[in-house]
């Protein structure tokens, strides 16, 4: 089936739905030459030691915290499960990425204000929903 033939005109602005596996939403993509090509991105978590963990993410329907937790990134405890209630997924976004990621929302800012390691680039990873344009995103996990 050609996913780009207009069959999906009533879904997501004419885009095909996200692929599903066991009912879970998976990677997004784009139509290329009449074929739907699934996209993935990479994100890099940097530890204070300088160690880097680069992860290829194919499921963009998740937060940066979920990626960190699912790949056992040290320092991404995610105690509240993404409810923006604990700040155990605090990261420092690489300054080159701050415009793309954007500022924290008011509730997130309140949580971050309680953290002694807050900086201008602080964000809670649970509040960063992944997008295709985040390919190459780099964040540092505070000690």
Protein backbone atom coordinates (compact mmCIF):
# COMPACT_ATOMS: atom_id res chain seq x y z
CA UNK A 1 0.00 0.00 0.00
CA UNK A 2 1.25 3.47 -0.83
CA UNK A 3 0.90 5.36 2.46
CA UNK A 4 1.32 8.68 0.70
CA UNK A 5 -1.54 8.38 -1.81
CA UNK A 6 -3.94 10.64 0.09
CA UNK A 7 -5.66 7.76 1.88
CA UNK A 8 -4.70 9.46 5.12
CA UNK A 9 -6.17 12.85 4.18
CA UNK A 10 -8.26 13.05 7.35
CA UNK A 11 -5.43 12.03 9.68
CA UNK A 12 -2.72 14.37 11.04
CA UNK A 13 -3.02 16.85 8.20
CA UNK A 14 -2.81 14.15 5.52
CA UNK A 15 0.11 12.30 7.09
CA UNK A 16 -0.11 8.56 7.69
CA UNK A 17 -0.55 7.45 11.30
CA UNK A 18 2.41 6.53 13.42
CA UNK A 19 3.27 2.85 13.10
CA UNK A 20 2.07 0.71 15.95
CA UNK A 21 3.61 -2.33 17.56
CA UNK A 22 1.52 -3.95 20.24
CA UNK A 23 -0.59 -0.80 20.43
CA UNK A 24 2.33 1.52 21.20
CA UNK A 25 2.92 4.58 19.07
CA UNK A 26 6.22 4.37 17.29
CA UNK A 27 8.44 6.51 15.07
CA UNK A 28 7.14 9.33 12.97
CA UNK A 29 8.27 9.86 9.43
CA UNK A 30 7.70 11.51 6.09
CA UNK A 31 6.60 10.68 2.57
CA UNK A 32 9.51 10.28 0.17
CA UNK A 33 8.82 9.31 -3.44
CA UNK A 34 5.43 7.85 -2.48
CA UNK A 35 6.79 5.77 0.38
CA UNK A 36 6.49 6.49 4.07
CA UNK A 37 9.99 6.59 5.58
CA UNK A 38 10.23 6.28 9.35
CA UNK A 39 12.52 8.73 11.11
CA UNK A 40 14.72 8.30 14.14
CA UNK A 41 16.85 10.73 16.07
CA UNK A 42 19.85 10.50 18.35
CA UNK A 43 20.12 12.14 21.75
CA UNK A 44 23.22 12.25 23.91
CA UNK A 45 23.29 12.25 27.70
CA UNK A 46 26.59 13.53 29.12
CA UNK A 47 27.66 12.72 32.66
CA UNK A 48 29.71 15.10 34.83
CA UNK A 49 32.66 12.74 34.29
CA UNK A 50 32.48 13.48 30.57
CA UNK A 51 31.15 10.02 29.71
CA UNK A 52 28.59 10.20 26.92
CA UNK A 53 25.71 7.88 26.16
CA UNK A 54 24.26 8.42 22.68
CA UNK A 55 20.92 6.75 22.09
CA UNK A 56 19.14 6.22 18.79
CA UNK A 57 15.46 6.93 19.41
CA UNK A 58 12.89 5.48 17.04
CA UNK A 59 9.84 6.17 19.21
CA UNK A 60 9.40 9.94 19.15
CA UNK A 61 6.12 9.73 21.05
CA UNK A 62 7.90 9.97 24.39
CA UNK A 63 9.78 12.41 26.56
CA UNK A 64 13.51 12.72 26.98
CA UNK A 65 13.05 11.38 30.52
CA UNK A 66 11.47 8.19 29.20
CA UNK A 67 14.43 7.67 26.88
CA UNK A 68 16.87 8.18 29.76
CA UNK A 69 14.95 5.88 32.09
CA UNK A 70 14.45 3.17 29.47
CA UNK A 71 18.18 3.17 28.70
CA UNK A 72 19.30 3.28 32.35
CA UNK A 73 21.00 6.66 32.04
CA UNK A 74 22.66 7.40 35.41
CA UNK A 75 21.06 10.40 37.10
CA UNK A 76 17.67 10.06 35.38
CA UNK A 77 15.75 8.56 38.30
CA UNK A 78 12.32 9.73 37.16
CA UNK A 79 10.84 9.08 40.59
CA UNK A 80 7.48 10.70 39.76
CA UNK A 81 7.20 8.96 36.39
CA UNK A 82 7.05 12.17 34.41
CA UNK A 83 4.48 14.10 36.45
CA UNK A 84 6.78 17.13 36.89
CA UNK A 85 6.69 16.58 40.64
CA UNK A 86 10.22 15.59 41.70
CA UNK A 87 13.00 17.05 39.51
CA UNK A 88 14.89 13.71 39.48
CA UNK A 89 15.19 13.99 35.70
CA UNK A 90 16.93 17.39 35.79
CA UNK A 91 19.25 18.01 32.84
CA UNK A 92 21.27 20.93 31.50
CA UNK A 93 20.45 21.39 27.82
CA UNK A 94 23.44 22.18 25.62
CA UNK A 95 23.23 25.96 25.02
CA UNK A 96 23.21 25.37 21.25
CA UNK A 97 19.91 23.51 21.70
CA UNK A 98 18.08 25.90 24.05
CA UNK A 99 16.22 27.80 21.31
CA UNK A 100 14.91 24.54 19.84
CA UNK A 101 14.00 22.98 23.21
CA UNK A 102 12.59 26.20 24.62
CA UNK A 103 12.19 27.49 28.16
CA UNK A 104 10.60 25.66 31.05
CA UNK A 105 6.91 26.07 31.78
CA UNK A 106 5.84 27.72 35.08
CA UNK A 107 5.27 24.46 36.99
CA UNK A 108 8.58 23.08 35.76
CA UNK A 109 10.33 26.31 36.79
CA UNK A 110 8.92 25.95 40.32
CA UNK A 111 10.37 22.42 40.55
CA UNK A 112 13.71 23.56 39.17
CA UNK A 113 13.88 26.45 41.65
CA UNK A 114 14.15 23.83 44.41
CA UNK A 115 17.28 22.37 42.81
CA UNK A 116 20.67 23.74 43.88
CA UNK A 117 22.18 22.84 40.49
CA UNK A 118 19.75 24.92 38.42
CA UNK A 119 21.26 26.94 35.58
CA UNK A 120 19.85 29.00 32.69
CA UNK A 121 19.80 25.81 30.59
CA UNK A 122 18.09 23.63 33.21
CA UNK A 123 15.07 21.62 32.13
CA UNK A 124 13.24 18.59 33.43
CA UNK A 125 13.65 15.81 30.89
CA UNK A 126 10.04 14.73 31.54
CA UNK A 127 8.88 18.03 30.06
CA UNK A 128 10.90 17.72 26.84
CA UNK A 129 8.73 15.91 24.30
CA UNK A 130 10.87 14.55 21.49
CA UNK A 131 10.54 15.82 17.92
CA UNK A 132 12.29 15.10 14.65
CA UNK A 133 14.15 18.42 14.82
CA UNK A 134 15.80 17.30 18.09
CA UNK A 135 18.13 14.98 16.17
CA UNK A 136 21.55 15.40 17.81
CA UNK A 137 20.19 16.89 21.06
CA UNK A 138 22.80 16.96 23.82
CA UNK A 139 22.07 17.28 27.53
CA UNK A 140 24.26 17.02 30.63
CA UNK A 141 23.04 15.17 33.70
CA UNK A 142 24.03 17.09 36.86
CA UNK A 143 25.97 15.16 39.52
